[in-house]
Amino acid sequence: MFRIYDVQCEKCGFVEEQFIEDEKFEPCSKCKGKVKRIYSTFNFKLEYNNKKDTVGWSSSGYSTSKYWDEINKAKSEGKNVRPQDEK
């Protein structure tokens, strides 16, 4: 199975993605220098559901967690569940 990795060249600093089966990285595509794995800050996707007025992880059903169950219950009881703006 191929995985996607973010890597950065130790020589020129170029950042790129590599699709590989194991952690034997290819040399830098710009200068052929040695690369090292770096960790990107975002590896997930949030999605907004307009019908439910919820935001959640797109693949794991996060919007159906206990937190959202409590929010949806409060909404069904007519309570204001939107956060108040701080002043």
PDB file of N, CA and C in Angstrom:
ATOM      1  N   MET A   1       0.842  -1.179   0.000  1.00  0.00           N
ATOM      2  CA  MET A   1       0.000   0.000   0.000  1.00  0.00           C
ATOM      3  C   MET A   1       0.890   1.247   0.000  1.00  0.00           C
ATOM      4  N   PHE A   2       0.594   2.135  -0.883  1.00  0.00           N
ATOM      5  CA  PHE A   2       1.351   3.377  -0.948  1.00  0.00           C
ATOM      6  C   PHE A   2       0.841   4.371   0.086  1.00  0.00           C
ATOM      7  N   ARG A   3       1.755   5.087   0.660  1.00  0.00           N
ATOM      8  CA  ARG A   3       1.419   6.149   1.618  1.00  0.00           C
ATOM      9  C   ARG A   3       1.991   7.450   1.106  1.00  0.00           C
ATOM     10  N   ILE A   4       1.403   8.528   1.567  1.00  0.00           N
ATOM     11  CA  ILE A   4       1.891   9.841   1.176  1.00  0.00           C
ATOM     12  C   ILE A   4       2.652  10.445   2.348  1.00  0.00           C
ATOM     13  N   TYR A   5       3.832  10.959   2.058  1.00  0.00           N
ATOM     14  CA  TYR A   5       4.673  11.572   3.075  1.00  0.00           C
ATOM     15  C   TYR A   5       5.077  12.965   2.616  1.00  0.00           C
ATOM     16  N   ASP A   6       5.155  13.891   3.548  1.00  0.00           N
ATOM     17  CA  ASP A   6       5.754  15.193   3.289  1.00  0.00           C
ATOM     18  C   ASP A   6       7.217  15.083   3.652  1.00  0.00           C
ATOM     19  N   VAL A   7       8.082  15.505   2.743  1.00  0.00           N
ATOM     20  CA  VAL A   7       9.516  15.443   2.985  1.00  0.00           C
ATOM     21  C   VAL A   7      10.147  16.785   2.633  1.00  0.00           C
ATOM     22  N   GLN A   8      11.292  17.049   3.266  1.00  0.00           N
ATOM     23  CA  GLN A   8      12.025  18.285   2.999  1.00  0.00           C
ATOM     24  C   GLN A   8      13.480  17.934   2.731  1.00  0.00           C
ATOM     25  N   CYS A   9      14.052  18.577   1.731  1.00  0.00           N
ATOM     26  CA  CYS A   9      15.434  18.335   1.358  1.00  0.00           C
ATOM     27  C   CYS A   9      16.358  18.970   2.396  1.00  0.00           C
ATOM     28  N   GLU A  10      17.327  18.198   2.846  1.00  0.00           N
ATOM     29  CA  GLU A  10      18.293  18.713   3.814  1.00  0.00           C
ATOM     30  C   GLU A  10      19.297  19.664   3.167  1.00  0.00           C
ATOM     31  N   LYS A  11      19.425  19.589   1.846  1.00  0.00           N
ATOM     32  CA  LYS A  11      20.399  20.412   1.132  1.00  0.00           C
ATOM     33  C   LYS A  11      19.808  21.759   0.693  1.00  0.00           C
ATOM     34  N   CYS A  12      18.679  21.728  -0.021  1.00  0.00           N
ATOM     35  CA  CYS A  12      18.123  22.979  -0.574  1.00  0.00           C
ATOM     36  C   CYS A  12      16.858  23.448   0.138  1.00  0.00           C
ATOM     37  N   GLY A  13      16.260  22.611   1.001  1.00  0.00           N
ATOM     38  CA  GLY A  13      15.072  23.001   1.756  1.00  0.00           C
ATOM     39  C   GLY A  13      13.753  22.816   1.025  1.00  0.00           C
ATOM     40  N   PHE A  14      13.779  22.303  -0.189  1.00  0.00           N
ATOM     41  CA  PHE A  14      12.558  22.108  -0.976  1.00  0.00           C
ATOM     42  C   PHE A  14      11.643  21.093  -0.278  1.00  0.00           C
ATOM     43  N   VAL A  15      10.331  21.420  -0.220  1.00  0.00           N
ATOM     44  CA  VAL A  15       9.336  20.544   0.404  1.00  0.00           C
ATOM     45  C   VAL A  15       8.478  19.928  -0.691  1.00  0.00           C
ATOM     46  N   GLU A  16       8.257  18.633  -0.592  1.00  0.00           N
ATOM     47  CA  GLU A  16       7.433  17.942  -1.576  1.00  0.00           C
ATOM     48  C   GLU A  16       6.740  16.757  -0.931  1.00  0.00           C
ATOM     49  N   GLU A  17       5.818  16.152  -1.669  1.00  0.00           N
ATOM     50  CA  GLU A  17       5.141  14.944  -1.229  1.00  0.00           C
ATOM     51  C   GLU A  17       5.717  13.764  -2.001  1.00  0.00           C
ATOM     52  N   GLN A  18       5.834  12.632  -1.315  1.00  0.00           N
ATOM     53  CA  GLN A  18       6.284  11.411  -1.971  1.00  0.00           C
ATOM     54  C   GLN A  18       5.305  10.291  -1.662  1.00  0.00           C
ATOM     55  N   PHE A  19       4.945   9.533  -2.678  1.00  0.00           N
ATOM     56  CA  PHE A  19       4.075   8.376  -2.543  1.00  0.00           C
ATOM     57  C   PHE A  19       4.958   7.135  -2.570  1.00  0.00           C
ATOM     58  N   ILE A  20       5.099   6.470  -1.433  1.00  0.00           N
ATOM     59  CA  ILE A  20       6.001   5.325  -1.349  1.00  0.00           C
ATOM     60  C   ILE A  20       5.382   4.215  -0.507  1.00  0.00           C
ATOM     61  N   GLU A  21       5.902   3.002  -0.670  1.00  0.00           N
ATOM     62  CA  GLU A  21       5.403   1.851   0.096  1.00  0.00           C
ATOM     63  C   GLU A  21       6.079   1.730   1.451  1.00  0.00           C
ATOM     64  N   ASP A  22       7.329   2.106   1.532  1.00  0.00           N
ATOM     65  CA  ASP A  22       8.048   2.037   2.796  1.00  0.00           C
ATOM     66  C   ASP A  22       8.704   3.396   3.019  1.00  0.00           C
ATOM     67  N   GLU A  23       9.434   3.538   4.079  1.00  0.00           N
ATOM     68  CA  GLU A  23      10.028   4.843   4.372  1.00  0.00           C
ATOM     69  C   GLU A  23      11.421   4.982   3.768  1.00  0.00           C
ATOM     70  N   LYS A  24      11.616   4.463   2.562  1.00  0.00           N
ATOM     71  CA  LYS A  24      12.847   4.673   1.809  1.00  0.00           C
ATOM     72  C   LYS A  24      12.566   5.789   0.820  1.00  0.00           C
ATOM     73  N   PHE A  25      12.874   7.004   1.221  1.00  0.00           N
ATOM     74  CA  PHE A  25      12.513   8.168   0.430  1.00  0.00           C
ATOM     75  C   PHE A  25      13.413   8.345  -0.786  1.00  0.00           C
ATOM     76  N   GLU A  26      12.816   8.870  -1.840  1.00  0.00           N
ATOM     77  CA  GLU A  26      13.557   9.208  -3.049  1.00  0.00           C
ATOM     78  C   GLU A  26      14.356  10.486  -2.794  1.00  0.00           C
ATOM     79  N   PRO A  27      15.448  10.699  -3.520  1.00  0.00           N
ATOM     80  CA  PRO A  27      16.185  11.963  -3.387  1.00  0.00           C
ATOM     81  C   PRO A  27      15.322  13.142  -3.813  1.00  0.00           C
ATOM     82  N   CYS A  28      15.717  14.336  -3.408  1.00  0.00           N
ATOM     83  CA  CYS A  28      15.011  15.567  -3.754  1.00  0.00           C
ATOM     84  C   CYS A  28      14.844  15.672  -5.268  1.00  0.00           C
ATOM     85  N   SER A  29      13.657  16.045  -5.697  1.00  0.00           N
ATOM     86  CA  SER A  29      13.394  16.138  -7.137  1.00  0.00           C
ATOM     87  C   SER A  29      14.056  17.359  -7.774  1.00  0.00           C
ATOM     88  N   LYS A  30      14.492  18.322  -6.957  1.00  0.00           N
ATOM     89  CA  LYS A  30      15.154  19.517  -7.505  1.00  0.00           C
ATOM     90  C   LYS A  30      16.665  19.373  -7.564  1.00  0.00           C
ATOM     91  N   CYS A  31      17.278  18.957  -6.436  1.00  0.00           N
ATOM     92  CA  CYS A  31      18.755  18.954  -6.388  1.00  0.00           C
ATOM     93  C   CYS A  31      19.341  17.562  -6.125  1.00  0.00           C
ATOM     94  N   LYS A  32      18.476  16.548  -5.972  1.00  0.00           N
ATOM     95  CA  LYS A  32      18.884  15.162  -5.697  1.00  0.00           C
ATOM     96  C   LYS A  32      19.530  14.977  -4.325  1.00  0.00           C
ATOM     97  N   GLY A  33      19.315  15.953  -3.422  1.00  0.00           N
ATOM     98  CA  GLY A  33      19.835  15.852  -2.065  1.00  0.00           C
ATOM     99  C   GLY A  33      19.018  14.888  -1.219  1.00  0.00           C
ATOM    100  N   LYS A  34      19.525  14.570  -0.041  1.00  0.00           N
ATOM    101  CA  LYS A  34      18.849  13.663   0.890  1.00  0.00           C
ATOM    102  C   LYS A  34      17.651  14.387   1.502  1.00  0.00           C
ATOM    103  N   VAL A  35      16.530  13.679   1.619  1.00  0.00           N
ATOM    104  CA  VAL A  35      15.324  14.264   2.207  1.00  0.00           C
ATOM    105  C   VAL A  35      15.031  13.617   3.551  1.00  0.00           C
ATOM    106  N   LYS A  36      14.280  14.329   4.377  1.00  0.00           N
ATOM    107  CA  LYS A  36      13.815  13.783   5.655  1.00  0.00           C
ATOM    108  C   LYS A  36      12.319  14.020   5.755  1.00  0.00           C
ATOM    109  N   ARG A  37      11.654  13.152   6.474  1.00  0.00           N
ATOM    110  CA  ARG A  37      10.207  13.262   6.660  1.00  0.00           C
ATOM    111  C   ARG A  37       9.903  14.443   7.558  1.00  0.00           C
ATOM    112  N   ILE A  38       8.885  15.207   7.178  1.00  0.00           N
ATOM    113  CA  ILE A  38       8.379  16.280   8.033  1.00  0.00           C
ATOM    114  C   ILE A  38       6.904  16.005   8.285  1.00  0.00           C
ATOM    115  N   TYR A  39       6.371  16.607   9.300  1.00  0.00           N
ATOM    116  CA  TYR A  39       4.990  16.362   9.670  1.00  0.00           C
ATOM    117  C   TYR A  39       4.174  17.608   9.388  1.00  0.00           C
ATOM    118  N   SER A  40       3.186  17.459   8.533  1.00  0.00           N
ATOM    119  CA  SER A  40       2.330  18.591   8.214  1.00  0.00           C
ATOM    120  C   SER A  40       1.372  18.844   9.366  1.00  0.00           C
ATOM    121  N   THR A  41       0.804  20.022   9.399  1.00  0.00           N
ATOM    122  CA  THR A  41      -0.065  20.393  10.507  1.00  0.00           C
ATOM    123  C   THR A  41      -1.496  19.919  10.331  1.00  0.00           C
ATOM    124  N   PHE A  42      -1.946  19.702   9.105  1.00  0.00           N
ATOM    125  CA  PHE A  42      -3.329  19.292   8.877  1.00  0.00           C
ATOM    126  C   PHE A  42      -3.375  17.999   8.098  1.00  0.00           C
ATOM    127  N   ASN A  43      -3.950  16.978   8.708  1.00  0.00           N
ATOM    128  CA  ASN A  43      -4.135  15.709   8.035  1.00  0.00           C
ATOM    129  C   ASN A  43      -5.572  15.231   8.162  1.00  0.00           C
ATOM    130  N   PHE A  44      -6.498  16.159   8.283  1.00  0.00           N
ATOM    131  CA  PHE A  44      -7.891  15.794   8.394  1.00  0.00           C
ATOM    132  C   PHE A  44      -8.736  16.835   7.681  1.00  0.00           C
ATOM    133  N   LYS A  45      -9.985  16.517   7.503  1.00  0.00           N
ATOM    134  CA  LYS A  45     -10.883  17.424   6.807  1.00  0.00           C
ATOM    135  C   LYS A  45     -12.157  17.571   7.626  1.00  0.00           C
ATOM    136  N   LEU A  46     -12.545  18.800   7.886  1.00  0.00           N
ATOM    137  CA  LEU A  46     -13.815  19.074   8.546  1.00  0.00           C
ATOM    138  C   LEU A  46     -14.846  19.432   7.481  1.00  0.00           C
ATOM    139  N   GLU A  47     -16.064  18.994   7.678  1.00  0.00           N
ATOM    140  CA  GLU A  47     -17.121  19.322   6.741  1.00  0.00           C
ATOM    141  C   GLU A  47     -18.297  19.920   7.479  1.00  0.00           C
ATOM    142  N   TYR A  48     -18.927  20.903   6.834  1.00  0.00           N
ATOM    143  CA  TYR A  48     -20.116  21.540   7.381  1.00  0.00           C
ATOM    144  C   TYR A  48     -21.344  20.883   6.772  1.00  0.00           C
ATOM    145  N   ASN A  49     -22.290  20.487   7.612  1.00  0.00           N
ATOM    146  CA  ASN A  49     -23.544  19.914   7.156  1.00  0.00           C
ATOM    147  C   ASN A  49     -24.618  20.966   7.338  1.00  0.00           C
ATOM    148  N   ASN A  50     -25.048  21.557   6.234  1.00  0.00           N
ATOM    149  CA  ASN A  50     -26.009  22.650   6.284  1.00  0.00           C
ATOM    150  C   ASN A  50     -27.358  22.211   6.839  1.00  0.00           C
ATOM    151  N   LYS A  51     -27.772  20.985   6.536  1.00  0.00           N
ATOM    152  CA  LYS A  51     -29.065  20.504   7.008  1.00  0.00           C
ATOM    153  C   LYS A  51     -29.089  20.324   8.522  1.00  0.00           C
ATOM    154  N   LYS A  52     -27.974  19.853   9.096  1.00  0.00           N
ATOM    155  CA  LYS A  52     -27.897  19.639  10.541  1.00  0.00           C
ATOM    156  C   LYS A  52     -27.274  20.819  11.274  1.00  0.00           C
ATOM    157  N   ASP A  53     -26.697  21.769  10.534  1.00  0.00           N
ATOM    158  CA  ASP A  53     -25.976  22.905  11.115  1.00  0.00           C
ATOM    159  C   ASP A  53     -24.878  22.406  12.055  1.00  0.00           C
ATOM    160  N   THR A  54     -24.100  21.443  11.555  1.00  0.00           N
ATOM    161  CA  THR A  54     -23.005  20.882  12.335  1.00  0.00           C
ATOM    162  C   THR A  54     -21.725  20.851  11.512  1.00  0.00           C
ATOM    163  N   VAL A  55     -20.611  20.805  12.212  1.00  0.00           N
ATOM    164  CA  VAL A  55     -19.310  20.628  11.584  1.00  0.00           C
ATOM    165  C   VAL A  55     -18.683  19.397  12.209  1.00  0.00           C
ATOM    166  N   GLY A  56     -18.033  18.561  11.379  1.00  0.00           N
ATOM    167  CA  GLY A  56     -17.428  17.361  11.940  1.00  0.00           C
ATOM    168  C   GLY A  56     -16.411  16.746  11.019  1.00  0.00           C
ATOM    169  N   TRP A  57     -15.730  15.709  11.525  1.00  0.00           N
ATOM    170  CA  TRP A  57     -14.784  14.968  10.712  1.00  0.00           C
ATOM    171  C   TRP A  57     -15.567  14.308   9.595  1.00  0.00           C
ATOM    172  N   SER A  58     -15.086  14.427   8.394  1.00  0.00           N
ATOM    173  CA  SER A  58     -15.872  13.941   7.266  1.00  0.00           C
ATOM    174  C   SER A  58     -15.964  12.424   7.204  1.00  0.00           C
ATOM    175  N   SER A  59     -14.967  11.707   7.686  1.00  0.00           N
ATOM    176  CA  SER A  59     -14.991  10.258   7.520  1.00  0.00           C
ATOM    177  C   SER A  59     -15.368   9.482   8.771  1.00  0.00           C
ATOM    178  N   SER A  60     -15.344  10.099   9.936  1.00  0.00           N
ATOM    179  CA  SER A  60     -15.553   9.321  11.153  1.00  0.00           C
ATOM    180  C   SER A  60     -16.883   9.570  11.845  1.00  0.00           C
ATOM    181  N   GLY A  61     -17.750  10.374  11.263  1.00  0.00           N
ATOM    182  CA  GLY A  61     -19.030  10.633  11.903  1.00  0.00           C
ATOM    183  C   GLY A  61     -18.902  11.431  13.180  1.00  0.00           C
ATOM    184  N   TYR A  62     -17.890  12.293  13.263  1.00  0.00           N
ATOM    185  CA  TYR A  62     -17.657  13.080  14.474  1.00  0.00           C
ATOM    186  C   TYR A  62     -18.885  13.881  14.873  1.00  0.00           C
ATOM    187  N   SER A  63     -19.643  14.342  13.886  1.00  0.00           N
ATOM    188  CA  SER A  63     -20.798  15.163  14.212  1.00  0.00           C
ATOM    189  C   SER A  63     -21.885  14.388  14.945  1.00  0.00           C
ATOM    190  N   THR A  64     -21.746  13.069  15.056  1.00  0.00           N
ATOM    191  CA  THR A  64     -22.704  12.267  15.809  1.00  0.00           C
ATOM    192  C   THR A  64     -22.142  11.853  17.169  1.00  0.00           C
ATOM    193  N   SER A  65     -21.097  12.535  17.631  1.00  0.00           N
ATOM    194  CA  SER A  65     -20.507  12.210  18.922  1.00  0.00           C
ATOM    195  C   SER A  65     -21.430  12.639  20.064  1.00  0.00           C
ATOM    196  N   LYS A  66     -21.043  12.299  21.273  1.00  0.00           N
ATOM    197  CA  LYS A  66     -21.837  12.656  22.448  1.00  0.00           C
ATOM    198  C   LYS A  66     -22.026  14.169  22.539  1.00  0.00           C
ATOM    199  N   TYR A  67     -20.981  14.929  22.204  1.00  0.00           N
ATOM    200  CA  TYR A  67     -21.080  16.397  22.223  1.00  0.00           C
ATOM    201  C   TYR A  67     -22.206  16.866  21.314  1.00  0.00           C
ATOM    202  N   TRP A  68     -22.229  16.350  20.078  1.00  0.00           N
ATOM    203  CA  TRP A  68     -23.262  16.794  19.146  1.00  0.00           C
ATOM    204  C   TRP A  68     -24.632  16.268  19.535  1.00  0.00           C
ATOM    205  N   ASP A  69     -24.697  15.106  20.162  1.00  0.00           N
ATOM    206  CA  ASP A  69     -25.980  14.603  20.656  1.00  0.00           C
ATOM    207  C   ASP A  69     -26.565  15.577  21.678  1.00  0.00           C
ATOM    208  N   GLU A  70     -25.713  16.093  22.575  1.00  0.00           N
ATOM    209  CA  GLU A  70     -26.170  17.056  23.581  1.00  0.00           C
ATOM    210  C   GLU A  70     -26.587  18.371  22.934  1.00  0.00           C
ATOM    211  N   ILE A  71     -25.825  18.826  21.949  1.00  0.00           N
ATOM    212  CA  ILE A  71     -26.170  20.058  21.241  1.00  0.00           C
ATOM    213  C   ILE A  71     -27.508  19.900  20.519  1.00  0.00           C
ATOM    214  N   ASN A  72     -27.666  18.781  19.815  1.00  0.00           N
ATOM    215  CA  ASN A  72     -28.910  18.559  19.080  1.00  0.00           C
ATOM    216  C   ASN A  72     -30.111  18.428  20.012  1.00  0.00           C
ATOM    217  N   LYS A  73     -29.911  17.825  21.176  1.00  0.00           N
ATOM    218  CA  LYS A  73     -30.998  17.721  22.158  1.00  0.00           C
ATOM    219  C   LYS A  73     -31.395  19.109  22.646  1.00  0.00           C
ATOM    220  N   ALA A  74     -30.400  19.938  22.960  1.00  0.00           N
ATOM    221  CA  ALA A  74     -30.682  21.301  23.419  1.00  0.00           C
ATOM    222  C   ALA A  74     -31.396  22.103  22.323  1.00  0.00           C
ATOM    223  N   LYS A  75     -30.978  21.918  21.058  1.00  0.00           N
ATOM    224  CA  LYS A  75     -31.644  22.612  19.944  1.00  0.00           C
ATOM    225  C   LYS A  75     -33.101  22.180  19.831  1.00  0.00           C
ATOM    226  N   SER A  76     -33.363  20.880  20.006  1.00  0.00           N
ATOM    227  CA  SER A  76     -34.734  20.383  19.881  1.00  0.00           C
ATOM    228  C   SER A  76     -35.622  20.900  21.012  1.00  0.00           C
ATOM    229  N   GLU A  77     -35.003  21.280  22.141  1.00  0.00           N
ATOM    230  CA  GLU A  77     -35.739  21.850  23.267  1.00  0.00           C
ATOM    231  C   GLU A  77     -35.883  23.363  23.136  1.00  0.00           C
ATOM    232  N   GLY A  78     -35.392  23.910  22.029  1.00  0.00           N
ATOM    233  CA  GLY A  78     -35.534  25.345  21.771  1.00  0.00           C
ATOM    234  C   GLY A  78     -34.476  26.215  22.421  1.00  0.00           C
ATOM    235  N   LYS A  79     -33.417  25.605  22.957  1.00  0.00           N
ATOM    236  CA  LYS A  79     -32.357  26.377  23.607  1.00  0.00           C
ATOM    237  C   LYS A  79     -31.411  26.957  22.552  1.00  0.00           C
ATOM    238  N   ASN A  80     -30.827  28.121  22.865  1.00  0.00           N
ATOM    239  CA  ASN A  80     -29.839  28.737  21.987  1.00  0.00           C
ATOM    240  C   ASN A  80     -28.500  28.046  22.235  1.00  0.00           C
ATOM    241  N   VAL A  81     -28.006  27.342  21.245  1.00  0.00           N
ATOM    242  CA  VAL A  81     -26.764  26.591  21.406  1.00  0.00           C
ATOM    243  C   VAL A  81     -25.593  27.244  20.684  1.00  0.00           C
ATOM    244  N   ARG A  82     -25.848  28.366  20.030  1.00  0.00           N
ATOM    245  CA  ARG A  82     -24.756  29.055  19.344  1.00  0.00           C
ATOM    246  C   ARG A  82     -23.901  29.782  20.358  1.00  0.00           C
ATOM    247  N   PRO A  83     -22.579  29.743  20.200  1.00  0.00           N
ATOM    248  CA  PRO A  83     -21.698  30.463  21.136  1.00  0.00           C
ATOM    249  C   PRO A  83     -21.928  31.968  21.053  1.00  0.00           C
ATOM    250  N   GLN A  84     -21.861  32.614  22.169  1.00  0.00           N
ATOM    251  CA  GLN A  84     -22.013  34.059  22.210  1.00  0.00           C
ATOM    252  C   GLN A  84     -20.714  34.723  21.827  1.00  0.00           C
ATOM    253  N   ASP A  85     -20.793  35.833  21.096  1.00  0.00           N
ATOM    254  CA  ASP A  85     -19.608  36.595  20.732  1.00  0.00           C
ATOM    255  C   ASP A  85     -18.996  37.211  21.985  1.00  0.00           C
ATOM    256  N   GLU A  86     -17.666  37.093  22.106  1.00  0.00           N
ATOM    257  CA  GLU A  86     -16.990  37.711  23.228  1.00  0.00           C
ATOM    258  C   GLU A  86     -16.761  39.180  22.928  1.00  0.00           C
ATOM    259  N   LYS A  87     -16.893  40.016  23.935  1.00  0.00           N
ATOM    260  CA  LYS A  87     -16.704  41.461  23.739  1.00  0.00           C
ATOM    261  C   LYS A  87     -15.511  41.940  24.485  1.00  0.00           C
TER     262      LYS A  87
END
